[in-house]
Protein backbone atom coordinates (compact mmCIF):
# COMPACT_ATOMS: atom_id res chain seq x y z
CA MET A 1 89.72 109.21 121.13
CA LYS A 2 92.97 108.03 122.37
CA ILE A 3 96.44 107.61 120.87
CA GLN A 4 98.47 104.48 121.23
CA PHE A 5 102.03 104.08 120.29
CA ILE A 6 103.27 100.71 119.96
CA VAL A 7 107.19 100.38 119.42
CA VAL A 8 109.26 97.52 119.25
CA GLY A 9 112.11 97.17 121.51
CA TRP A 10 115.04 95.75 119.78
CA HIS A 11 118.11 98.38 118.81
CA TYR A 12 117.36 101.26 121.94
CA HIS A 13 119.66 103.46 120.27
CA GLN A 14 117.77 106.47 119.15
CA GLN A 15 117.54 108.37 122.60
CA GLU A 16 116.12 111.75 121.07
CA PHE A 17 113.13 109.75 119.86
CA TYR A 18 112.74 107.96 123.16
CA GLU A 19 112.70 111.53 124.62
CA GLY A 20 110.20 112.58 122.73
CA LEU A 21 107.91 110.08 123.30
CA LYS A 22 108.33 110.30 126.82
CA GLU A 23 107.46 114.08 126.55
CA LEU A 24 104.27 113.31 124.42
CA GLU A 25 102.92 110.86 126.94
CA ASN A 26 103.85 113.04 129.82
CA THR A 27 102.28 115.99 128.26
CA ASN A 28 99.07 114.39 126.53
CA GLN A 29 96.55 112.87 128.57
CA GLU A 30 95.32 110.85 125.38
CA ILE A 31 98.53 109.53 124.28
CA ASN A 32 100.02 106.09 125.41
CA VAL A 33 103.36 104.45 124.76
CA PHE A 34 103.80 100.77 125.05
CA TRP A 35 107.00 98.74 124.18
CA SER A 36 106.48 95.32 122.88
CA CYS A 37 110.36 94.30 123.48
CA HIS A 38 112.09 91.14 121.90
CA LYS A 39 115.10 92.07 123.67
CA GLU A 40 115.95 92.90 127.21
CA PRO A 41 115.24 96.85 127.26
CA THR A 42 117.66 99.65 128.85
CA GLU A 43 117.04 101.07 132.09
CA TYR A 44 115.84 104.28 130.58
CA ILE A 45 112.67 102.28 128.74
CA LYS A 46 112.16 100.38 132.13
CA ASP A 47 112.14 103.54 134.13
CA ASN A 48 110.06 105.73 131.82
CA PHE A 49 107.45 103.26 130.25
CA ASN A 50 105.19 100.86 130.08
CA TYR A 51 106.48 97.51 128.33
CA LYS A 52 106.75 93.76 128.41
CA LEU A 53 109.25 91.62 127.35
CA PHE A 54 108.02 88.96 125.03
CA PRO A 55 109.61 85.80 123.26
CA ASN A 56 111.44 86.97 120.28
CA VAL A 57 109.52 85.52 117.37
CA GLY A 58 108.24 86.38 113.80
CA GLU A 59 109.78 90.12 114.27
CA GLU A 60 108.05 93.07 114.07
CA PHE A 61 104.50 92.06 113.07
CA VAL A 62 104.16 89.34 115.97
CA ALA A 63 105.86 92.03 118.35
CA TYR A 64 102.66 94.42 117.45
CA GLN A 65 99.97 91.48 117.78
CA GLN A 66 101.85 90.30 121.15
CA ALA A 67 101.02 93.92 122.23
CA ILE A 68 97.55 94.00 121.05
CA ASP A 69 96.66 90.85 122.87
CA TYR A 70 98.18 92.29 126.07
CA LEU A 71 96.65 95.65 125.76
CA SER A 72 93.13 96.61 126.19
CA LEU A 73 92.59 98.87 123.30
CA GLU A 74 89.19 100.99 122.63
CA ASP A 75 87.88 100.25 119.05
CA ASP A 76 88.45 104.19 118.14
CA THR A 77 92.01 104.37 119.37
CA ILE A 78 94.32 105.51 116.81
CA CYS A 79 97.58 103.35 116.78
CA PHE A 80 100.90 103.94 115.74
CA PHE A 81 102.92 100.94 115.26
CA ILE A 82 106.79 101.93 114.97
CA HIS A 83 110.40 100.74 115.05
CA ASP A 84 112.44 101.81 117.54
CA ASP A 85 115.50 102.90 115.31
CA VAL A 86 113.65 105.57 113.43
CA ILE A 87 114.59 109.29 113.51
CA ILE A 88 111.81 111.67 113.95
CA LYS A 89 112.35 114.86 112.07
CA ASN A 90 108.73 116.58 112.97
CA TRP A 91 106.22 115.03 115.33
CA GLU A 92 103.39 116.77 113.07
CA PHE A 93 102.92 113.52 111.41
CA ILE A 94 100.38 112.32 114.20
CA ASN A 95 98.17 115.23 113.37
CA ILE A 96 98.34 114.51 109.99
CA CYS A 97 98.17 111.00 110.18
CA VAL A 98 94.90 111.18 112.97
CA LYS A 99 93.33 113.81 110.76
CA GLY A 100 93.55 111.68 107.46
CA LEU A 101 92.14 108.60 109.20
CA THR A 102 89.28 110.52 111.18
CA GLU A 103 88.26 112.56 107.96
CA ASN A 104 88.89 110.13 104.96
CA ASN A 105 86.83 107.26 105.36
CA ASN A 106 88.59 105.34 102.59
CA LEU A 107 91.51 105.53 104.33
CA LYS A 108 92.43 102.73 106.69
CA PHE A 109 96.26 102.48 106.93
CA LEU A 110 99.04 104.89 106.50
CA GLY A 111 102.58 104.37 106.08
CA ASN A 112 105.69 106.58 106.58
CA CYS A 113 107.28 105.89 102.94
CA LEU A 114 106.57 104.62 99.66
CA ASN A 115 107.13 101.07 99.77
CA TYR A 116 107.47 99.19 96.29
CA PRO A 117 104.22 97.28 95.38
CA LEU A 118 104.27 93.69 94.42
CA PRO A 119 103.72 93.20 90.96
CA SER A 120 101.38 90.14 92.26
CA PHE A 121 101.34 87.97 95.14
CA ASP A 122 99.46 84.49 94.88
CA PRO A 123 99.00 82.85 98.55
CA THR A 124 97.96 79.45 97.08
CA GLU A 125 101.29 79.07 96.17
CA VAL A 126 103.86 77.40 97.80
CA TYR A 127 106.43 80.40 99.30
CA ALA A 128 109.03 78.36 100.50
CA PRO A 129 109.69 74.29 99.96
CA MET A 130 111.03 74.38 103.49
CA GLY A 131 109.11 76.31 105.71
CA ILE A 132 110.00 78.70 109.01
CA LYS A 133 109.53 74.83 110.87
CA GLU A 134 109.18 71.39 109.68
CA GLU A 135 105.31 71.10 109.59
CA PHE A 136 105.12 74.29 107.22
CA ASP A 137 107.47 72.63 104.57
CA ASN A 138 105.83 72.62 101.14
CA LYS A 139 102.90 74.46 102.69
CA THR A 140 101.55 77.89 100.96
CA VAL A 141 101.27 80.81 102.28
CA THR A 142 97.44 80.45 103.12
CA ASP A 143 98.36 77.80 105.56
CA TYR A 144 100.48 80.42 107.75
CA ALA A 145 97.39 82.59 107.86
CA GLN A 146 95.08 82.32 111.07
CA ASP A 147 91.80 80.12 110.90
CA GLU A 148 89.98 83.46 110.83
CA THR A 149 91.89 84.90 108.00
CA GLN A 150 92.33 81.77 105.54
CA LYS A 151 89.24 82.59 103.77
CA TRP A 152 90.92 85.39 102.31
CA PHE A 153 94.40 84.13 101.31
CA ASP A 154 92.33 82.49 98.44
CA LYS A 155 93.54 83.92 95.30
CA LYS A 156 95.98 85.84 93.25
CA LEU A 157 95.92 89.76 93.42
CA ALA A 158 97.84 92.38 91.03
CA PRO A 159 99.12 94.31 92.05
CA VAL A 160 99.26 94.59 95.91
CA MET A 161 100.06 97.86 97.87
CA VAL A 162 102.67 96.98 100.41
CA ILE A 163 102.75 98.80 104.02
CA ARG A 164 106.40 98.22 105.62
CA GLY A 165 106.23 97.09 109.32
CA SER A 166 108.69 100.21 110.15
CA PHE A 167 105.47 102.72 110.87
CA ILE A 168 101.82 101.59 110.54
CA CYS A 169 98.80 104.13 111.44
CA CYS A 170 95.55 102.88 111.82
CA LYS A 171 92.40 102.63 113.72
CA TYR A 172 92.10 99.58 116.13
CA SER A 173 88.80 99.27 114.83
CA ASP A 174 90.14 98.48 111.67
CA LEU A 175 92.90 96.64 112.48
CA LYS A 176 90.41 94.26 114.74
CA ALA A 177 88.00 93.81 111.47
CA ILE A 178 90.92 91.74 109.57
CA TYR A 179 92.13 89.91 113.09
CA GLY A 180 95.12 91.76 113.44
CA PHE A 181 98.79 90.85 112.39
CA GLU A 182 99.99 87.81 110.44
CA PRO A 183 100.98 84.74 110.78
CA ARG A 184 99.30 82.22 112.81
CA LYS A 185 100.75 81.60 116.35
CA GLU A 186 102.00 77.89 115.19
CA ALA A 187 104.54 79.93 112.70
CA TRP A 188 105.81 82.32 115.79
CA VAL A 189 109.23 81.06 115.42
CA GLY A 190 112.37 82.88 116.07
CA PRO A 191 115.40 83.02 114.50
CA LYS A 192 118.46 80.79 115.36
CA TRP A 193 122.30 81.83 115.14
CA SER A 194 124.08 80.39 112.27
CA ASP A 195 127.84 79.68 112.35
CA GLU A 196 127.87 79.49 108.80
CA TYR A 197 126.27 82.69 108.02
CA GLN A 198 127.55 84.45 111.25
CA LYS A 199 124.05 85.91 112.02
CA HIS A 200 120.59 85.11 113.03
CA CYS A 201 118.71 83.05 110.26
CA TYR A 202 115.18 81.25 109.94
CA ARG A 203 115.23 77.66 109.04
CA GLY A 204 116.38 77.30 105.15
CA ALA A 205 117.46 81.13 104.91
CA LYS A 206 120.73 83.10 105.03
CA GLY A 207 119.23 85.87 107.17
CA LEU A 208 115.68 87.31 108.62
CA GLY A 209 114.55 88.58 105.21
CA LYS A 210 112.64 85.47 103.56
CA PHE A 211 109.99 85.02 106.25
CA GLY A 212 110.21 88.32 107.43
CA ASN A 213 109.03 90.15 104.03
CA MET A 214 106.37 87.10 103.43
CA PHE A 215 104.60 88.36 107.28
CA MET A 216 104.93 91.98 105.64
CA PHE A 217 103.32 90.64 102.27
CA MET A 218 100.62 88.55 103.91
CA PHE A 219 99.39 91.91 106.02
CA SER A 220 99.44 94.10 103.33
CA TYR A 221 97.80 91.39 100.65
CA LYS A 222 95.13 90.92 103.92
CA ILE A 223 94.56 94.72 103.39
CA ASN A 224 94.32 94.93 99.71
CA ARG A 225 91.75 91.86 99.85
CA VAL A 226 89.45 93.09 102.34
CA PHE A 227 89.64 96.62 101.81
CA GLY A 228 91.16 97.51 98.65
CA PRO A 229 94.44 99.19 97.67
CA GLN A 230 93.07 102.23 97.81
CA CYS A 231 92.68 102.02 101.69
CA ILE A 232 96.85 102.29 101.93
CA SER A 233 98.50 105.36 101.90
CA TYR A 234 101.97 107.19 102.85
CA LEU A 235 103.26 110.24 104.16
CA SER A 236 105.95 110.49 101.26
CA ASN A 237 106.63 108.98 97.87
CA ARG A 238 110.39 108.61 98.99
CA TYR A 239 111.63 105.13 100.19
CA LEU A 240 112.43 105.04 103.78
CA ASP A 241 112.05 108.96 104.13
CA SER A 242 109.47 111.39 104.68
CA ASP A 243 109.46 114.96 105.77
CA TYR A 244 108.82 113.52 109.34
CA ILE A 245 110.63 110.33 109.64
CA TYR A 246 113.60 108.24 108.42
CA GLU A 247 113.52 104.40 108.57
CA MET A 248 116.75 102.92 109.30
CA GLY A 249 117.57 99.43 107.94
CA ARG A 250 118.03 96.84 110.75
CA GLY A 251 119.24 99.62 112.97
CA GLU A 252 121.69 101.64 110.12
CA ILE A 253 121.21 104.37 107.55
CA ASP A 254 120.53 102.85 104.20
CA PRO A 255 123.57 104.40 101.90
CA ASN A 256 121.40 103.92 99.16
CA ASN A 257 118.50 106.02 100.42
CA PRO A 258 119.70 108.64 102.55
CA MET A 259 118.06 110.93 104.70
CA LEU A 260 116.87 113.83 103.22
């Protein structure tokens, strides 16, 4: 069994985390680290890790898919998909996740922190009248799904357990069984700079949240639909924080959910 870390390269400001990853990889033959970069990596990343700079589209869920399309992973590989702006408090999370996934057949996906479940999610409805690009205008969530997965985006589920893209741990075989991450490649679109809002925005949006959230909801819905909500669990019942990892919000501590 191998362990594969896939890190989204964007912020590059948690040096202690990166040094820990380097030590892990250097001292454990079964652990590999790959950086799926959506922005030019630092010299430290280039000098110390396997990485690739991919087109900046689709935020973390597409960065993860770009990585698994690029890598050749074995089915029994334990994957850790993780943002580069997390704070590692205790590396023991690796052993806890591996034990949970290998000893509990009902557990398929582990998140770091409890995320708020969706009361309901109906993929047959139009998510945003103005789509991520023109061809998706007035399209349903199902229309954003891959050809192979559209069969699952067929009905309303209530509630839907949600797993954040900041930290996802799973066996590659289980991820492969649901055809990886969403959305379909035609929806792999990057945000553009808005002079009006003075930040990068998706088409018809005031920032990144609208479609970034939709990709998270699609991935979570698919897990619930195929494996059932009981297959998702978390390292903590707190939001953004556990005894092991703190997830920043776009590179910053959330003042409403500080690290404990």
